[in-house]
Amino acid sequence: MRGIYLEAELVHSAALRGLSRWAMQVYLHFLTKRVMVKHRSKSKAVKHSIGNNGDIVFCYSEAEKMGIGRREFRNSLDELIVKGFIDINHQGAGGRSKDMSTYFLCDRWKKWNTPEYKPTQKPRIKDTRLGHGWAIVNARKKQSSVTNMSPVKPLSIGENVTPKGKKKVFQVTDMSLEKTQEMASSP
């Protein structure tokens, strides 16, 4: 049976108490993914370290299965990086390339909101490439927007274009206007 060990210093820290709901859930899941290894020193004291630190993988599809949306997961990762809970070891390309990001669990959170705090050396790089991934989908949506679907040649009043391209002319007479006024005035 596996569990999560939380230090009292972590539980009482301002950084942990300041995490958003989603960031807290993501961080706790990161803690379940770590593999703790025992080390014995010469004084026979037992120390623990994270055996898979730097190789922890937590992808978007896994977060979605947990009920965390893509936007919430991305924002949670950014928040955890900024507050010093995790660092990026390798930023994957994502998607179909099967190149997933790997993370370090770090303890920069201990100095959060102090003058000694140092931001991460490798922040998450946002994908701003055009013509890749969702940029293509969003560009197509903008091109086929409903507001851009106005006809090339506006129809004139009194003309109706049939499917075969032939024009049918119809007229609005004053007689139909008179009949509607009579119907409205009669009891």
N, C-alpha and C. Protein backbone atom coordinates (compact mmCIF):
# COMPACT_ATOMS: atom_id res chain seq x y z
N MET A 1 0.84 -1.18 0.00
CA MET A 1 0.00 0.00 0.00
C MET A 1 0.89 1.24 0.00
N ARG A 2 0.61 2.14 -0.90
CA ARG A 2 1.39 3.36 -1.02
C ARG A 2 0.65 4.52 -0.39
N GLY A 3 1.39 5.49 0.05
CA GLY A 3 0.78 6.66 0.66
C GLY A 3 1.60 7.90 0.36
N ILE A 4 1.16 9.01 0.92
CA ILE A 4 1.84 10.28 0.75
C ILE A 4 2.30 10.75 2.12
N TYR A 5 3.56 11.09 2.22
CA TYR A 5 4.10 11.63 3.46
C TYR A 5 4.26 13.13 3.26
N LEU A 6 3.64 13.92 4.12
CA LEU A 6 3.75 15.38 4.04
C LEU A 6 4.49 15.88 5.28
N GLU A 7 5.51 16.67 5.08
CA GLU A 7 6.24 17.27 6.18
C GLU A 7 5.38 18.36 6.82
N ALA A 8 5.56 18.57 8.11
CA ALA A 8 4.81 19.62 8.81
C ALA A 8 5.15 20.99 8.24
N GLU A 9 6.40 21.18 7.83
CA GLU A 9 6.82 22.44 7.24
C GLU A 9 6.04 22.73 5.95
N LEU A 10 5.77 21.70 5.16
CA LEU A 10 5.00 21.85 3.93
C LEU A 10 3.55 22.19 4.23
N VAL A 11 2.97 21.48 5.17
CA VAL A 11 1.56 21.68 5.49
C VAL A 11 1.30 23.09 6.00
N HIS A 12 2.24 23.65 6.77
CA HIS A 12 2.05 24.98 7.36
C HIS A 12 2.61 26.10 6.49
N SER A 13 3.11 25.79 5.32
CA SER A 13 3.73 26.82 4.48
C SER A 13 2.68 27.70 3.81
N ALA A 14 3.07 28.95 3.59
CA ALA A 14 2.18 29.90 2.92
C ALA A 14 2.00 29.52 1.45
N ALA A 15 3.02 28.91 0.87
CA ALA A 15 2.94 28.52 -0.53
C ALA A 15 1.87 27.46 -0.75
N LEU A 16 1.82 26.45 0.12
CA LEU A 16 0.82 25.39 -0.02
C LEU A 16 -0.58 25.93 0.27
N ARG A 17 -0.71 26.75 1.30
CA ARG A 17 -2.02 27.30 1.63
C ARG A 17 -2.52 28.26 0.56
N GLY A 18 -1.61 28.82 -0.25
CA GLY A 18 -1.99 29.75 -1.31
C GLY A 18 -2.31 29.10 -2.64
N LEU A 19 -2.19 27.76 -2.71
CA LEU A 19 -2.49 27.08 -3.97
C LEU A 19 -3.98 27.09 -4.27
N SER A 20 -4.29 27.14 -5.55
CA SER A 20 -5.69 27.03 -5.96
C SER A 20 -6.16 25.59 -5.78
N ARG A 21 -7.44 25.39 -5.90
CA ARG A 21 -8.02 24.05 -5.73
C ARG A 21 -7.42 23.05 -6.70
N TRP A 22 -7.34 23.44 -7.97
CA TRP A 22 -6.83 22.53 -8.99
C TRP A 22 -5.34 22.28 -8.81
N ALA A 23 -4.59 23.32 -8.47
CA ALA A 23 -3.15 23.16 -8.27
C ALA A 23 -2.88 22.22 -7.09
N MET A 24 -3.69 22.30 -6.06
CA MET A 24 -3.53 21.41 -4.90
C MET A 24 -3.77 19.95 -5.32
N GLN A 25 -4.81 19.71 -6.11
CA GLN A 25 -5.08 18.35 -6.57
C GLN A 25 -3.95 17.82 -7.46
N VAL A 26 -3.45 18.67 -8.34
CA VAL A 26 -2.37 18.25 -9.24
C VAL A 26 -1.11 17.96 -8.42
N TYR A 27 -0.80 18.81 -7.44
CA TYR A 27 0.40 18.59 -6.63
C TYR A 27 0.30 17.29 -5.82
N LEU A 28 -0.85 17.04 -5.24
CA LEU A 28 -1.02 15.78 -4.49
C LEU A 28 -0.86 14.57 -5.40
N HIS A 29 -1.33 14.69 -6.63
CA HIS A 29 -1.15 13.59 -7.57
C HIS A 29 0.33 13.42 -7.94
N PHE A 30 1.05 14.54 -8.06
CA PHE A 30 2.49 14.44 -8.28
C PHE A 30 3.15 13.69 -7.13
N LEU A 31 2.71 13.96 -5.91
CA LEU A 31 3.30 13.28 -4.75
C LEU A 31 3.03 11.78 -4.77
N THR A 32 1.91 11.35 -5.33
CA THR A 32 1.63 9.91 -5.41
C THR A 32 2.51 9.23 -6.45
N LYS A 33 3.02 10.01 -7.39
CA LYS A 33 3.85 9.44 -8.46
C LYS A 33 5.32 9.29 -8.07
N ARG A 34 5.73 9.90 -6.97
CA ARG A 34 7.13 9.80 -6.59
C ARG A 34 7.42 8.43 -5.97
N VAL A 35 8.65 7.97 -6.18
CA VAL A 35 9.10 6.69 -5.62
C VAL A 35 10.18 7.03 -4.59
N MET A 36 9.90 6.73 -3.33
CA MET A 36 10.84 7.05 -2.25
C MET A 36 11.83 5.90 -2.08
N VAL A 37 13.11 6.27 -1.92
CA VAL A 37 14.19 5.30 -1.77
C VAL A 37 14.90 5.57 -0.44
N LYS A 38 15.15 4.50 0.32
CA LYS A 38 15.86 4.63 1.59
C LYS A 38 17.37 4.57 1.37
N HIS A 39 18.08 5.41 2.10
CA HIS A 39 19.54 5.41 2.07
C HIS A 39 20.05 5.33 3.51
N ARG A 40 21.04 4.48 3.74
CA ARG A 40 21.66 4.41 5.06
C ARG A 40 23.02 5.09 4.98
N SER A 41 23.24 6.00 5.89
CA SER A 41 24.53 6.67 5.94
C SER A 41 25.46 5.91 6.89
N LYS A 42 26.69 6.38 7.03
CA LYS A 42 27.66 5.72 7.91
C LYS A 42 27.22 5.73 9.36
N SER A 43 26.46 6.72 9.73
CA SER A 43 25.97 6.78 11.11
C SER A 43 24.70 5.95 11.29
N LYS A 44 24.38 5.17 10.29
CA LYS A 44 23.22 4.27 10.28
C LYS A 44 21.88 5.01 10.38
N ALA A 45 21.91 6.29 10.05
CA ALA A 45 20.66 7.05 10.00
C ALA A 45 20.01 6.80 8.64
N VAL A 46 18.73 6.64 8.65
CA VAL A 46 18.00 6.37 7.41
C VAL A 46 17.52 7.70 6.82
N LYS A 47 17.86 7.91 5.56
CA LYS A 47 17.40 9.10 4.84
C LYS A 47 16.61 8.63 3.63
N HIS A 48 15.67 9.45 3.24
CA HIS A 48 14.84 9.13 2.08
C HIS A 48 15.10 10.15 0.98
N SER A 49 15.05 9.67 -0.24
CA SER A 49 15.14 10.55 -1.40
C SER A 49 14.16 10.06 -2.46
N ILE A 50 13.89 10.92 -3.42
CA ILE A 50 12.96 10.57 -4.49
C ILE A 50 13.77 9.88 -5.58
N GLY A 51 13.47 8.62 -5.82
CA GLY A 51 14.22 7.83 -6.78
C GLY A 51 13.93 8.18 -8.23
N ASN A 52 12.73 8.65 -8.51
CA ASN A 52 12.37 8.97 -9.90
C ASN A 52 12.25 10.47 -10.13
N ASN A 53 12.91 11.27 -9.31
CA ASN A 53 12.83 12.72 -9.47
C ASN A 53 13.46 13.13 -10.80
N GLY A 54 12.74 13.89 -11.57
CA GLY A 54 13.18 14.28 -12.91
C GLY A 54 12.56 13.41 -13.98
N ASP A 55 12.00 12.27 -13.60
CA ASP A 55 11.37 11.36 -14.55
C ASP A 55 9.87 11.20 -14.28
N ILE A 56 9.30 12.07 -13.49
CA ILE A 56 7.87 11.99 -13.17
C ILE A 56 7.07 12.53 -14.36
N VAL A 57 6.15 11.72 -14.85
CA VAL A 57 5.33 12.08 -16.01
C VAL A 57 3.89 12.25 -15.55
N PHE A 58 3.29 13.37 -15.94
CA PHE A 58 1.88 13.63 -15.65
C PHE A 58 1.34 14.36 -16.87
N CYS A 59 0.59 13.65 -17.70
CA CYS A 59 0.15 14.22 -18.98
C CYS A 59 -1.30 14.72 -18.91
N TYR A 60 -1.67 15.47 -19.92
CA TYR A 60 -2.99 16.08 -19.99
C TYR A 60 -4.10 15.04 -20.01
N SER A 61 -3.90 13.95 -20.73
CA SER A 61 -4.94 12.93 -20.81
C SER A 61 -5.19 12.30 -19.44
N GLU A 62 -4.14 12.13 -18.67
CA GLU A 62 -4.28 11.58 -17.32
C GLU A 62 -5.06 12.56 -16.42
N ALA A 63 -4.79 13.84 -16.57
CA ALA A 63 -5.51 14.85 -15.80
C ALA A 63 -6.99 14.87 -16.18
N GLU A 64 -7.27 14.72 -17.47
CA GLU A 64 -8.67 14.71 -17.92
C GLU A 64 -9.42 13.52 -17.34
N LYS A 65 -8.76 12.37 -17.21
CA LYS A 65 -9.40 11.20 -16.62
C LYS A 65 -9.73 11.44 -15.15
N MET A 66 -8.96 12.31 -14.50
CA MET A 66 -9.21 12.65 -13.10
C MET A 66 -10.28 13.72 -12.95
N GLY A 67 -10.75 14.27 -14.08
CA GLY A 67 -11.78 15.31 -14.02
C GLY A 67 -11.22 16.72 -14.03
N ILE A 68 -9.94 16.87 -14.37
CA ILE A 68 -9.33 18.19 -14.43
C ILE A 68 -9.25 18.59 -15.90
N GLY A 69 -9.83 19.71 -16.24
CA GLY A 69 -9.84 20.19 -17.62
C GLY A 69 -8.45 20.60 -18.08
N ARG A 70 -8.28 20.71 -19.40
CA ARG A 70 -6.97 21.05 -19.97
C ARG A 70 -6.49 22.43 -19.50
N ARG A 71 -7.39 23.40 -19.49
CA ARG A 71 -7.02 24.75 -19.07
C ARG A 71 -6.64 24.77 -17.60
N GLU A 72 -7.43 24.10 -16.76
CA GLU A 72 -7.13 24.05 -15.33
C GLU A 72 -5.81 23.35 -15.06
N PHE A 73 -5.54 22.28 -15.82
CA PHE A 73 -4.28 21.55 -15.64
C PHE A 73 -3.09 22.42 -16.04
N ARG A 74 -3.20 23.10 -17.17
CA ARG A 74 -2.12 23.98 -17.62
C ARG A 74 -1.87 25.09 -16.61
N ASN A 75 -2.95 25.72 -16.12
CA ASN A 75 -2.79 26.79 -15.14
C ASN A 75 -2.22 26.26 -13.83
N SER A 76 -2.59 25.05 -13.45
CA SER A 76 -2.05 24.44 -12.23
C SER A 76 -0.56 24.18 -12.36
N LEU A 77 -0.14 23.67 -13.51
CA LEU A 77 1.29 23.45 -13.72
C LEU A 77 2.06 24.76 -13.61
N ASP A 78 1.53 25.80 -14.24
CA ASP A 78 2.19 27.11 -14.18
C ASP A 78 2.28 27.61 -12.74
N GLU A 79 1.20 27.44 -11.98
CA GLU A 79 1.19 27.89 -10.58
C GLU A 79 2.18 27.10 -9.73
N LEU A 80 2.23 25.78 -9.93
CA LEU A 80 3.17 24.95 -9.17
C LEU A 80 4.62 25.28 -9.51
N ILE A 81 4.88 25.63 -10.75
CA ILE A 81 6.24 26.01 -11.15
C ILE A 81 6.61 27.36 -10.53
N VAL A 82 5.70 28.32 -10.60
CA VAL A 82 5.98 29.65 -10.08
C VAL A 82 6.19 29.62 -8.56
N LYS A 83 5.40 28.82 -7.85
CA LYS A 83 5.51 28.78 -6.39
C LYS A 83 6.59 27.83 -5.89
N GLY A 84 7.26 27.13 -6.81
CA GLY A 84 8.42 26.34 -6.41
C GLY A 84 8.14 24.92 -5.98
N PHE A 85 7.04 24.33 -6.38
CA PHE A 85 6.74 22.94 -6.03
C PHE A 85 7.30 21.95 -7.05
N ILE A 86 7.27 22.33 -8.33
CA ILE A 86 7.78 21.46 -9.38
C ILE A 86 8.65 22.27 -10.34
N ASP A 87 9.49 21.57 -11.07
CA ASP A 87 10.28 22.15 -12.16
C ASP A 87 10.19 21.21 -13.34
N ILE A 88 10.37 21.76 -14.52
CA ILE A 88 10.34 20.95 -15.74
C ILE A 88 11.74 20.41 -16.01
N ASN A 89 11.84 19.11 -16.15
CA ASN A 89 13.09 18.49 -16.55
C ASN A 89 13.20 18.50 -18.08
N HIS A 90 12.13 18.06 -18.73
CA HIS A 90 12.08 18.01 -20.19
C HIS A 90 10.68 18.40 -20.62
N GLN A 91 10.58 19.40 -21.49
CA GLN A 91 9.27 19.79 -21.99
C GLN A 91 9.00 19.05 -23.28
N GLY A 92 7.99 18.19 -23.24
CA GLY A 92 7.66 17.37 -24.40
C GLY A 92 6.92 18.16 -25.45
N ALA A 93 6.85 17.55 -26.63
CA ALA A 93 6.13 18.16 -27.75
C ALA A 93 4.64 17.89 -27.64
N GLY A 94 4.27 16.82 -26.90
CA GLY A 94 2.87 16.52 -26.68
C GLY A 94 2.17 15.97 -27.90
N GLY A 95 0.88 15.81 -27.76
CA GLY A 95 0.07 15.35 -28.88
C GLY A 95 0.40 13.94 -29.31
N ARG A 96 0.46 13.75 -30.61
CA ARG A 96 0.67 12.42 -31.16
C ARG A 96 2.13 11.99 -31.17
N SER A 97 3.04 12.89 -30.85
CA SER A 97 4.46 12.55 -30.91
C SER A 97 4.90 11.68 -29.74
N LYS A 98 4.05 11.50 -28.74
CA LYS A 98 4.33 10.68 -27.56
C LYS A 98 5.55 11.18 -26.79
N ASP A 99 5.92 12.43 -26.97
CA ASP A 99 7.03 13.03 -26.25
C ASP A 99 6.43 13.80 -25.08
N MET A 100 6.42 13.19 -23.91
CA MET A 100 5.77 13.78 -22.75
C MET A 100 6.75 14.55 -21.88
N SER A 101 6.24 15.55 -21.19
CA SER A 101 7.06 16.34 -20.29
C SER A 101 7.39 15.52 -19.05
N THR A 102 8.59 15.74 -18.50
CA THR A 102 8.99 15.11 -17.24
C THR A 102 9.27 16.22 -16.24
N TYR A 103 9.02 15.93 -14.97
CA TYR A 103 9.07 16.95 -13.93
C TYR A 103 9.94 16.52 -12.76
N PHE A 104 10.48 17.52 -12.07
CA PHE A 104 11.17 17.38 -10.79
C PHE A 104 10.24 17.86 -9.70
N LEU A 105 10.24 17.20 -8.56
CA LEU A 105 9.62 17.76 -7.36
C LEU A 105 10.74 18.51 -6.65
N CYS A 106 10.52 19.77 -6.34
CA CYS A 106 11.59 20.56 -5.72
C CYS A 106 11.08 21.24 -4.45
N ASP A 107 11.98 21.86 -3.74
CA ASP A 107 11.59 22.50 -2.48
C ASP A 107 11.86 24.00 -2.48
N ARG A 108 11.75 24.63 -3.63
CA ARG A 108 11.87 26.08 -3.70
C ARG A 108 10.72 26.75 -2.97
N TRP A 109 9.63 26.03 -2.72
CA TRP A 109 8.47 26.57 -2.03
C TRP A 109 8.82 27.03 -0.62
N LYS A 110 9.89 26.48 -0.05
CA LYS A 110 10.27 26.86 1.32
C LYS A 110 10.64 28.34 1.41
N LYS A 111 11.11 28.91 0.32
CA LYS A 111 11.51 30.32 0.32
C LYS A 111 10.53 31.20 -0.43
N TRP A 112 9.34 30.69 -0.69
CA TRP A 112 8.32 31.45 -1.42
C TRP A 112 7.99 32.73 -0.64
N ASN A 113 7.85 33.83 -1.34
CA ASN A 113 7.54 35.15 -0.77
C ASN A 113 8.61 35.67 0.18
N THR A 114 9.85 35.26 -0.03
CA THR A 114 10.97 35.80 0.73
C THR A 114 11.99 36.37 -0.26
N PRO A 115 12.89 37.21 0.22
CA PRO A 115 13.90 37.75 -0.70
C PRO A 115 14.85 36.69 -1.25
N GLU A 116 14.99 35.55 -0.58
CA GLU A 116 15.90 34.49 -1.04
C GLU A 116 15.30 33.63 -2.15
N TYR A 117 14.00 33.82 -2.43
CA TYR A 117 13.34 32.98 -3.44
C TYR A 117 13.92 33.23 -4.82
N LYS A 118 14.23 32.15 -5.53
CA LYS A 118 14.75 32.24 -6.89
C LYS A 118 13.78 31.55 -7.83
N PRO A 119 13.36 32.23 -8.89
CA PRO A 119 12.44 31.58 -9.83
C PRO A 119 13.14 30.45 -10.58
N THR A 120 12.35 29.64 -11.23
CA THR A 120 12.87 28.48 -11.94
C THR A 120 13.78 28.88 -13.10
N GLN A 121 14.70 28.00 -13.41
CA GLN A 121 15.60 28.23 -14.53
C GLN A 121 14.96 27.84 -15.86
N LYS A 122 13.99 26.89 -15.81
CA LYS A 122 13.33 26.41 -17.03
C LYS A 122 11.81 26.56 -16.91
N PRO A 123 11.27 27.76 -17.20
CA PRO A 123 9.80 27.88 -17.15
C PRO A 123 9.17 27.13 -18.32
N ARG A 124 7.87 26.91 -18.22
CA ARG A 124 7.15 26.23 -19.28
C ARG A 124 7.09 27.14 -20.49
N ILE A 125 7.49 26.62 -21.64
CA ILE A 125 7.50 27.40 -22.87
C ILE A 125 6.16 27.21 -23.56
N LYS A 126 5.50 28.31 -23.84
CA LYS A 126 4.20 28.24 -24.49
C LYS A 126 4.39 28.02 -25.98
N ASP A 127 3.55 27.17 -26.57
CA ASP A 127 3.63 26.85 -27.99
C ASP A 127 2.93 27.94 -28.78
N THR A 128 3.70 28.76 -29.47
CA THR A 128 3.13 29.85 -30.25
C THR A 128 3.30 29.63 -31.75
N ARG A 129 3.64 28.40 -32.13
CA ARG A 129 3.84 28.11 -33.55
C ARG A 129 2.51 28.22 -34.30
N LEU A 130 2.57 28.79 -35.47
CA LEU A 130 1.38 28.84 -36.31
C LEU A 130 1.41 27.65 -37.24
N GLY A 131 0.26 27.07 -37.48
CA GLY A 131 0.19 25.93 -38.39
C GLY A 131 0.45 24.61 -37.71
N HIS A 132 0.48 24.57 -36.38
CA HIS A 132 0.67 23.33 -35.65
C HIS A 132 -0.43 23.19 -34.60
N GLY A 133 -0.90 21.99 -34.41
CA GLY A 133 -1.85 21.69 -33.33
C GLY A 133 -3.13 22.48 -33.42
N TRP A 134 -3.51 23.08 -32.28
CA TRP A 134 -4.78 23.78 -32.18
C TRP A 134 -4.76 25.10 -32.94
N ALA A 135 -3.59 25.60 -33.30
CA ALA A 135 -3.53 26.84 -34.08
C ALA A 135 -4.24 26.67 -35.42
N ILE A 136 -4.13 25.48 -36.02
CA ILE A 136 -4.80 25.20 -37.30
C ILE A 136 -6.31 25.18 -37.10
N VAL A 137 -6.76 24.50 -36.07
CA VAL A 137 -8.20 24.39 -35.81
C VAL A 137 -8.81 25.76 -35.56
N ASN A 138 -8.15 26.57 -34.74
CA ASN A 138 -8.67 27.91 -34.44
C ASN A 138 -8.66 28.80 -35.68
N ALA A 139 -7.66 28.66 -36.54
CA ALA A 139 -7.61 29.45 -37.77
C ALA A 139 -8.76 29.06 -38.70
N ARG A 140 -9.07 27.78 -38.78
CA ARG A 140 -10.19 27.33 -39.62
C ARG A 140 -11.51 27.86 -39.09
N LYS A 141 -11.65 27.88 -37.76
CA LYS A 141 -12.89 28.39 -37.18
C LYS A 141 -13.08 29.86 -37.52
N LYS A 142 -11.99 30.62 -37.50
CA LYS A 142 -12.09 32.05 -37.82
C LYS A 142 -12.44 32.25 -39.28
N GLN A 143 -11.92 31.39 -40.18
CA GLN A 143 -12.20 31.52 -41.60
C GLN A 143 -13.65 31.18 -41.92
N SER A 144 -14.21 30.19 -41.26
CA SER A 144 -15.57 29.76 -41.56
C SER A 144 -16.57 30.30 -40.54
N SER A 145 -16.28 31.46 -40.02
CA SER A 145 -17.17 32.07 -39.04
C SER A 145 -18.49 32.44 -39.70
N VAL A 146 -19.56 32.42 -38.93
CA VAL A 146 -20.89 32.75 -39.44
C VAL A 146 -20.94 34.20 -39.90
N THR A 147 -20.22 35.08 -39.24
CA THR A 147 -20.25 36.49 -39.62
C THR A 147 -19.57 36.73 -40.96
N ASN A 148 -18.71 35.83 -41.39
CA ASN A 148 -18.02 35.99 -42.67
C ASN A 148 -18.76 35.31 -43.81
N MET A 149 -19.97 34.84 -43.60
CA MET A 149 -20.69 34.09 -44.63
C MET A 149 -21.67 34.97 -45.41
N SER A 150 -21.39 36.24 -45.57
CA SER A 150 -22.26 37.11 -46.35
C SER A 150 -22.09 36.78 -47.83
N PRO A 151 -23.15 36.92 -48.62
CA PRO A 151 -23.06 36.56 -50.04
C PRO A 151 -22.10 37.48 -50.78
N VAL A 152 -21.52 36.94 -51.84
CA VAL A 152 -20.56 37.70 -52.65
C VAL A 152 -21.27 38.87 -53.32
N LYS A 153 -22.44 38.60 -53.96
CA LYS A 153 -23.22 39.65 -54.60
C LYS A 153 -24.54 39.78 -53.84
N PRO A 154 -24.77 40.93 -53.21
CA PRO A 154 -26.02 41.05 -52.45
C PRO A 154 -27.23 41.00 -53.38
N LEU A 155 -28.28 40.37 -52.87
CA LEU A 155 -29.51 40.27 -53.65
C LEU A 155 -30.25 41.59 -53.60
N SER A 156 -30.84 41.97 -54.73
CA SER A 156 -31.61 43.21 -54.75
C SER A 156 -33.03 42.90 -54.30
N ILE A 157 -33.73 43.90 -53.88
CA ILE A 157 -35.10 43.71 -53.42
C ILE A 157 -35.97 43.34 -54.60
N GLY A 158 -36.79 42.36 -54.43
CA GLY A 158 -37.69 41.93 -55.48
C GLY A 158 -37.12 40.81 -56.33
N GLU A 159 -35.92 40.33 -56.05
CA GLU A 159 -35.34 39.24 -56.82
C GLU A 159 -35.13 38.04 -55.91
N ASN A 160 -35.35 36.88 -56.45
CA ASN A 160 -35.11 35.65 -55.72
C ASN A 160 -34.28 34.75 -56.63
N VAL A 161 -33.16 34.26 -56.14
CA VAL A 161 -32.29 33.42 -56.96
C VAL A 161 -32.64 31.97 -56.66
N THR A 162 -32.97 31.22 -57.71
CA THR A 162 -33.30 29.81 -57.56
C THR A 162 -32.03 28.99 -57.53
N PRO A 163 -32.11 27.71 -57.13
CA PRO A 163 -30.91 26.88 -57.10
C PRO A 163 -30.22 26.74 -58.45
N LYS A 164 -30.94 26.81 -59.54
CA LYS A 164 -30.32 26.67 -60.85
C LYS A 164 -29.72 27.99 -61.33
N GLY A 165 -29.85 29.02 -60.55
CA GLY A 165 -29.26 30.32 -60.91
C GLY A 165 -30.19 31.21 -61.70
N LYS A 166 -31.42 30.75 -61.97
CA LYS A 166 -32.37 31.58 -62.71
C LYS A 166 -33.04 32.53 -61.73
N LYS A 167 -33.32 33.72 -62.20
CA LYS A 167 -33.94 34.72 -61.34
C LYS A 167 -35.45 34.72 -61.52
N LYS A 168 -36.13 34.80 -60.43
CA LYS A 168 -37.57 34.96 -60.47
C LYS A 168 -37.87 36.34 -59.89
N VAL A 169 -38.65 37.10 -60.59
CA VAL A 169 -38.98 38.44 -60.14
C VAL A 169 -40.38 38.39 -59.53
N PHE A 170 -40.49 38.98 -58.38
CA PHE A 170 -41.81 39.08 -57.76
C PHE A 170 -41.99 40.52 -57.33
N GLN A 171 -43.25 40.90 -57.18
CA GLN A 171 -43.54 42.28 -56.84
C GLN A 171 -44.40 42.32 -55.60
N VAL A 172 -44.15 43.34 -54.84
CA VAL A 172 -44.99 43.59 -53.67
C VAL A 172 -45.95 44.70 -54.08
N THR A 173 -47.22 44.38 -54.00
CA THR A 173 -48.22 45.36 -54.45
C THR A 173 -48.82 46.05 -53.24
N ASP A 174 -49.42 47.18 -53.54
CA ASP A 174 -50.11 47.92 -52.49
C ASP A 174 -51.37 47.21 -52.06
N MET A 175 -51.90 46.33 -52.93
CA MET A 175 -53.13 45.62 -52.64
C MET A 175 -52.95 44.69 -51.43
N SER A 176 -51.81 44.03 -51.36
CA SER A 176 -51.60 43.13 -50.24
C SER A 176 -51.46 43.92 -48.95
N LEU A 177 -50.92 45.12 -49.04
CA LEU A 177 -50.80 45.97 -47.87
C LEU A 177 -52.18 46.43 -47.41
N GLU A 178 -53.07 46.75 -48.39
CA GLU A 178 -54.43 47.18 -48.06
C GLU A 178 -55.20 46.05 -47.39
N LYS A 179 -55.02 44.80 -47.87
CA LYS A 179 -55.75 43.67 -47.29
C LYS A 179 -55.32 43.43 -45.84
N THR A 180 -54.05 43.58 -45.55
CA THR A 180 -53.60 43.35 -44.17
C THR A 180 -54.12 44.43 -43.25
N GLN A 181 -54.26 45.67 -43.78
CA GLN A 181 -54.80 46.74 -42.95
C GLN A 181 -56.28 46.52 -42.70
N GLU A 182 -57.02 46.02 -43.71
CA GLU A 182 -58.44 45.74 -43.54
C GLU A 182 -58.65 44.62 -42.53
N MET A 183 -57.80 43.59 -42.59
CA MET A 183 -57.95 42.46 -41.66
C MET A 183 -57.65 42.88 -40.23
N ALA A 184 -56.75 43.78 -40.08
CA ALA A 184 -56.40 44.23 -38.75
C ALA A 184 -57.48 45.12 -38.15
N SER A 185 -58.19 45.88 -39.00
CA SER A 185 -59.22 46.80 -38.48
C SER A 185 -60.56 46.11 -38.29
N SER A 186 -60.80 44.99 -38.98
CA SER A 186 -62.11 44.30 -38.82
C SER A 186 -62.12 43.48 -37.54
N PRO A 187 -63.33 43.38 -36.91
CA PRO A 187 -63.45 42.63 -35.64
C PRO A 187 -63.42 41.16 -35.78
